[in-house]
Structure formats: C-alpha cells, structure tokens
Amino acid sequence: MKKFLIVLGVIAVAVGALCLTVFFKMKSQTDAFDTTPVDISKVADGTYEGYSETMMVKARVLVTVESGKITDIEILEHECGKGHPAEAMIDDMIAENTVEVDAVSGATASSAVIKDAVRNALR
C-alpha cells in the first residue's frame, strides 16, 4: 500500500508539473502577441481574414469594416477546449468598435487568441 501511495504521489507531481509547463508556455505565447491597438477608422472598407494560434488554441475570423467601423466578425474556426465562452467578446468588439475589450473570465487564452486574430485581420 505504501508503494502504491508513493507511485500515486509521483504521478500527481508529474501531472502538476506538466500542467504548469503548459500554462507558462501558453502565457508566453499570448504575451508575445502584438497588442498594439488598430486604428479602425483607417482600415479600408472590406472583409478581412485573420488567424492566430498558440499550442492549444486556434482562431480564424472574418472581420467586416464599413465606414471606419467593425460591422461584423464571424468566427470561422475556434479550437479551444473549454474556451468557447470567449466568443461572446465579438459582440462587445462590434458594439465598442474596438478589439480592446475585456477578456472573458475562465477563457483567457481563447480571448487573447480571438483578439489577436481580429487584430491580424484588421492589419
């Protein structure tokens, strides 16, 4: 029984270390995004595709701009595990005419990737 508990403890430590490694890798990837705000008033009318990814989250979007305003954002692809709640940011981006909206709690990585994809489309 003692050996079993030791093995179980070693496995728990290994899983914890793996989770921390993935977390810090994802954080470093999202921290590397160019978060310079995009001046939407200078974006020509049209529909633009943007893409962004980290090791665990991907997003592809179509962003439509008319008269210096975001009129539509369509998510073409969002691979994210439990990060789908981040998609709610799209309505805020359109309403506020900016990419720089609050991230969705509990979906921080997906929020960062979606915002990066939208910025990439607008650039």
C-alpha atoms as a PDB file:
ATOM      1  CA  MET A   1       0.000   0.000   0.000  1.00  0.00           C
ATOM      2  CA  LYS A   2       2.863   2.363   0.823  1.00  0.00           C
ATOM      3  CA  LYS A   3       4.473   1.808  -2.593  1.00  0.00           C
ATOM      4  CA  PHE A   4       1.131   2.478  -4.274  1.00  0.00           C
ATOM      5  CA  LEU A   5       0.778   5.808  -2.473  1.00  0.00           C
ATOM      6  CA  ILE A   6       4.334   6.792  -3.404  1.00  0.00           C
ATOM      7  CA  VAL A   7       3.700   5.965  -7.074  1.00  0.00           C
ATOM      8  CA  LEU A   8       0.408   7.876  -6.931  1.00  0.00           C
ATOM      9  CA  GLY A   9       2.205  10.867  -5.407  1.00  0.00           C
ATOM     10  CA  VAL A  10       4.890  10.806  -8.093  1.00  0.00           C
ATOM     11  CA  ILE A  11       2.218  10.694 -10.799  1.00  0.00           C
ATOM     12  CA  ALA A  12       0.365  13.612  -9.189  1.00  0.00           C
ATOM     13  CA  VAL A  13       3.558  15.692  -9.076  1.00  0.00           C
ATOM     14  CA  ALA A  14       4.355  14.836 -12.713  1.00  0.00           C
ATOM     15  CA  VAL A  15       0.848  15.802 -13.871  1.00  0.00           C
ATOM     16  CA  GLY A  16       1.040  19.037 -11.875  1.00  0.00           C
ATOM     17  CA  ALA A  17       4.417  19.875 -13.406  1.00  0.00           C
ATOM     18  CA  LEU A  18       3.080  19.173 -16.897  1.00  0.00           C
ATOM     19  CA  CYS A  19       0.068  21.429 -16.309  1.00  0.00           C
ATOM     20  CA  LEU A  20       2.310  24.244 -15.080  1.00  0.00           C
ATOM     21  CA  THR A  21       4.601  23.832 -18.078  1.00  0.00           C
ATOM     22  CA  VAL A  22       1.665  24.070 -20.494  1.00  0.00           C
ATOM     23  CA  PHE A  23       0.246  27.089 -18.629  1.00  0.00           C
ATOM     24  CA  PHE A  24       3.525  29.014 -18.751  1.00  0.00           C
ATOM     25  CA  LYS A  25       4.126  28.085 -22.411  1.00  0.00           C
ATOM     26  CA  MET A  26       0.650  29.349 -23.340  1.00  0.00           C
ATOM     27  CA  LYS A  27       1.203  32.514 -21.301  1.00  0.00           C
ATOM     28  CA  SER A  28       4.498  33.216 -23.053  1.00  0.00           C
ATOM     29  CA  GLN A  29       2.838  32.680 -26.443  1.00  0.00           C
ATOM     30  CA  THR A  30      -0.046  35.057 -25.723  1.00  0.00           C
ATOM     31  CA  ASP A  31       2.330  37.599 -24.155  1.00  0.00           C
ATOM     32  CA  ALA A  32       4.244  37.626 -27.464  1.00  0.00           C
ATOM     33  CA  PHE A  33       1.183  38.817 -29.440  1.00  0.00           C
ATOM     34  CA  ASP A  34       1.423  42.306 -30.917  1.00  0.00           C
ATOM     35  CA  THR A  35      -1.271  44.062 -28.873  1.00  0.00           C
ATOM     36  CA  THR A  36      -0.765  47.451 -30.482  1.00  0.00           C
ATOM     37  CA  PRO A  37      -4.290  48.835 -30.970  1.00  0.00           C
ATOM     38  CA  VAL A  38      -5.518  49.065 -34.557  1.00  0.00           C
ATOM     39  CA  ASP A  39      -6.999  52.394 -35.696  1.00  0.00           C
ATOM     40  CA  ILE A  40     -10.150  51.018 -37.299  1.00  0.00           C
ATOM     41  CA  SER A  41     -11.024  54.404 -38.798  1.00  0.00           C
ATOM     42  CA  LYS A  42      -8.033  53.922 -41.129  1.00  0.00           C
ATOM     43  CA  VAL A  43      -8.990  50.418 -42.266  1.00  0.00           C
ATOM     44  CA  ALA A  44     -10.437  50.395 -45.793  1.00  0.00           C
ATOM     45  CA  ASP A  45     -13.943  49.038 -46.251  1.00  0.00           C
ATOM     46  CA  GLY A  46     -13.913  45.321 -46.858  1.00  0.00           C
ATOM     47  CA  THR A  47     -13.882  41.877 -45.313  1.00  0.00           C
ATOM     48  CA  TYR A  48     -10.602  40.600 -43.954  1.00  0.00           C
ATOM     49  CA  GLU A  49      -9.492  37.197 -42.686  1.00  0.00           C
ATOM     50  CA  GLY A  50      -7.271  36.840 -39.646  1.00  0.00           C
ATOM     51  CA  TYR A  51      -5.690  33.876 -37.892  1.00  0.00           C
ATOM     52  CA  SER A  52      -3.902  33.288 -34.615  1.00  0.00           C
ATOM     53  CA  GLU A  53      -2.827  30.271 -32.622  1.00  0.00           C
ATOM     54  CA  THR A  54      -0.970  29.021 -29.611  1.00  0.00           C
ATOM     55  CA  MET A  55      -0.087  25.444 -28.814  1.00  0.00           C
ATOM     56  CA  MET A  56      -3.634  24.731 -27.563  1.00  0.00           C
ATOM     57  CA  VAL A  57      -5.923  27.409 -29.054  1.00  0.00           C
ATOM     58  CA  LYS A  58      -6.573  28.419 -32.676  1.00  0.00           C
ATOM     59  CA  ALA A  59      -8.900  31.015 -34.148  1.00  0.00           C
ATOM     60  CA  ARG A  60      -9.719  32.095 -37.696  1.00  0.00           C
ATOM     61  CA  VAL A  61     -12.063  35.062 -38.180  1.00  0.00           C
ATOM     62  CA  LEU A  62     -13.638  37.198 -40.899  1.00  0.00           C
ATOM     63  CA  VAL A  63     -13.913  40.876 -39.985  1.00  0.00           C
ATOM     64  CA  THR A  64     -16.066  43.265 -41.991  1.00  0.00           C
ATOM     65  CA  VAL A  65     -15.358  47.001 -41.870  1.00  0.00           C
ATOM     66  CA  GLU A  66     -17.615  49.699 -43.308  1.00  0.00           C
ATOM     67  CA  SER A  67     -17.051  53.452 -42.963  1.00  0.00           C
ATOM     68  CA  GLY A  68     -14.387  53.021 -40.294  1.00  0.00           C
ATOM     69  CA  LYS A  69     -16.487  50.704 -38.133  1.00  0.00           C
ATOM     70  CA  ILE A  70     -16.456  46.988 -37.447  1.00  0.00           C
ATOM     71  CA  THR A  71     -19.843  45.788 -38.697  1.00  0.00           C
ATOM     72  CA  ASP A  72     -19.367  42.033 -38.374  1.00  0.00           C
ATOM     73  CA  ILE A  73     -16.961  39.456 -37.003  1.00  0.00           C
ATOM     74  CA  GLU A  74     -17.512  35.850 -37.964  1.00  0.00           C
ATOM     75  CA  ILE A  75     -15.613  33.066 -36.247  1.00  0.00           C
ATOM     76  CA  LEU A  76     -14.670  30.555 -38.929  1.00  0.00           C
ATOM     77  CA  GLU A  77     -12.629  28.326 -36.623  1.00  0.00           C
ATOM     78  CA  HIS A  78     -12.090  28.224 -32.879  1.00  0.00           C
ATOM     79  CA  GLU A  79     -10.332  25.182 -31.447  1.00  0.00           C
ATOM     80  CA  CYS A  80     -10.102  25.764 -27.756  1.00  0.00           C
ATOM     81  CA  GLY A  81     -11.326  23.036 -25.442  1.00  0.00           C
ATOM     82  CA  LYS A  82     -13.440  24.892 -22.870  1.00  0.00           C
ATOM     83  CA  GLY A  83     -12.728  28.381 -24.221  1.00  0.00           C
ATOM     84  CA  HIS A  84     -15.902  28.833 -26.274  1.00  0.00           C
ATOM     85  CA  PRO A  85     -17.311  31.461 -23.853  1.00  0.00           C
ATOM     86  CA  ALA A  86     -14.635  33.838 -25.196  1.00  0.00           C
ATOM     87  CA  GLU A  87     -16.647  34.099 -28.397  1.00  0.00           C
ATOM     88  CA  ALA A  88     -19.031  36.424 -26.520  1.00  0.00           C
ATOM     89  CA  MET A  89     -16.378  39.165 -26.862  1.00  0.00           C
ATOM     90  CA  ILE A  90     -17.292  39.501 -30.531  1.00  0.00           C
ATOM     91  CA  ASP A  91     -20.494  41.402 -29.709  1.00  0.00           C
ATOM     92  CA  ASP A  92     -18.528  43.803 -27.485  1.00  0.00           C
ATOM     93  CA  MET A  93     -15.913  44.392 -30.196  1.00  0.00           C
ATOM     94  CA  ILE A  94     -18.610  45.313 -32.693  1.00  0.00           C
ATOM     95  CA  ALA A  95     -20.586  47.471 -30.239  1.00  0.00           C
ATOM     96  CA  GLU A  96     -17.490  49.325 -28.997  1.00  0.00           C
ATOM     97  CA  ASN A  97     -15.746  49.364 -32.416  1.00  0.00           C
ATOM     98  CA  THR A  98     -12.509  48.114 -30.905  1.00  0.00           C
ATOM     99  CA  VAL A  99     -10.573  44.918 -30.412  1.00  0.00           C
ATOM    100  CA  GLU A 100      -9.528  46.075 -26.946  1.00  0.00           C
ATOM    101  CA  VAL A 101     -12.412  44.687 -24.893  1.00  0.00           C
ATOM    102  CA  ASP A 102     -12.271  42.763 -21.628  1.00  0.00           C
ATOM    103  CA  ALA A 103     -11.274  39.105 -21.797  1.00  0.00           C
ATOM    104  CA  VAL A 104     -13.823  36.520 -20.741  1.00  0.00           C
ATOM    105  CA  SER A 105     -13.073  35.118 -17.299  1.00  0.00           C
ATOM    106  CA  GLY A 106     -12.199  31.444 -17.470  1.00  0.00           C
ATOM    107  CA  ALA A 107     -11.354  31.720 -21.175  1.00  0.00           C
ATOM    108  CA  THR A 108      -8.310  33.963 -21.029  1.00  0.00           C
ATOM    109  CA  ALA A 109      -6.206  32.169 -23.639  1.00  0.00           C
ATOM    110  CA  SER A 110      -9.101  31.922 -26.085  1.00  0.00           C
ATOM    111  CA  SER A 111      -9.877  35.601 -25.505  1.00  0.00           C
ATOM    112  CA  ALA A 112      -6.277  36.546 -26.326  1.00  0.00           C
ATOM    113  CA  VAL A 113      -6.185  34.361 -29.444  1.00  0.00           C
ATOM    114  CA  ILE A 114      -9.514  35.681 -30.786  1.00  0.00           C
ATOM    115  CA  LYS A 115      -8.403  39.289 -30.207  1.00  0.00           C
ATOM    116  CA  ASP A 116      -5.088  38.571 -31.937  1.00  0.00           C
ATOM    117  CA  ALA A 117      -6.881  37.014 -34.924  1.00  0.00           C
ATOM    118  CA  VAL A 118      -9.139  40.074 -35.237  1.00  0.00           C
ATOM    119  CA  ARG A 119      -6.147  42.449 -34.976  1.00  0.00           C
ATOM    120  CA  ASN A 120      -4.326  40.413 -37.632  1.00  0.00           C
ATOM    121  CA  ALA A 121      -7.335  40.686 -39.935  1.00  0.00           C
ATOM    122  CA  LEU A 122      -7.532  44.449 -39.476  1.00  0.00           C
ATOM    123  CA  ARG A 123      -3.810  44.908 -40.114  1.00  0.00           C
END
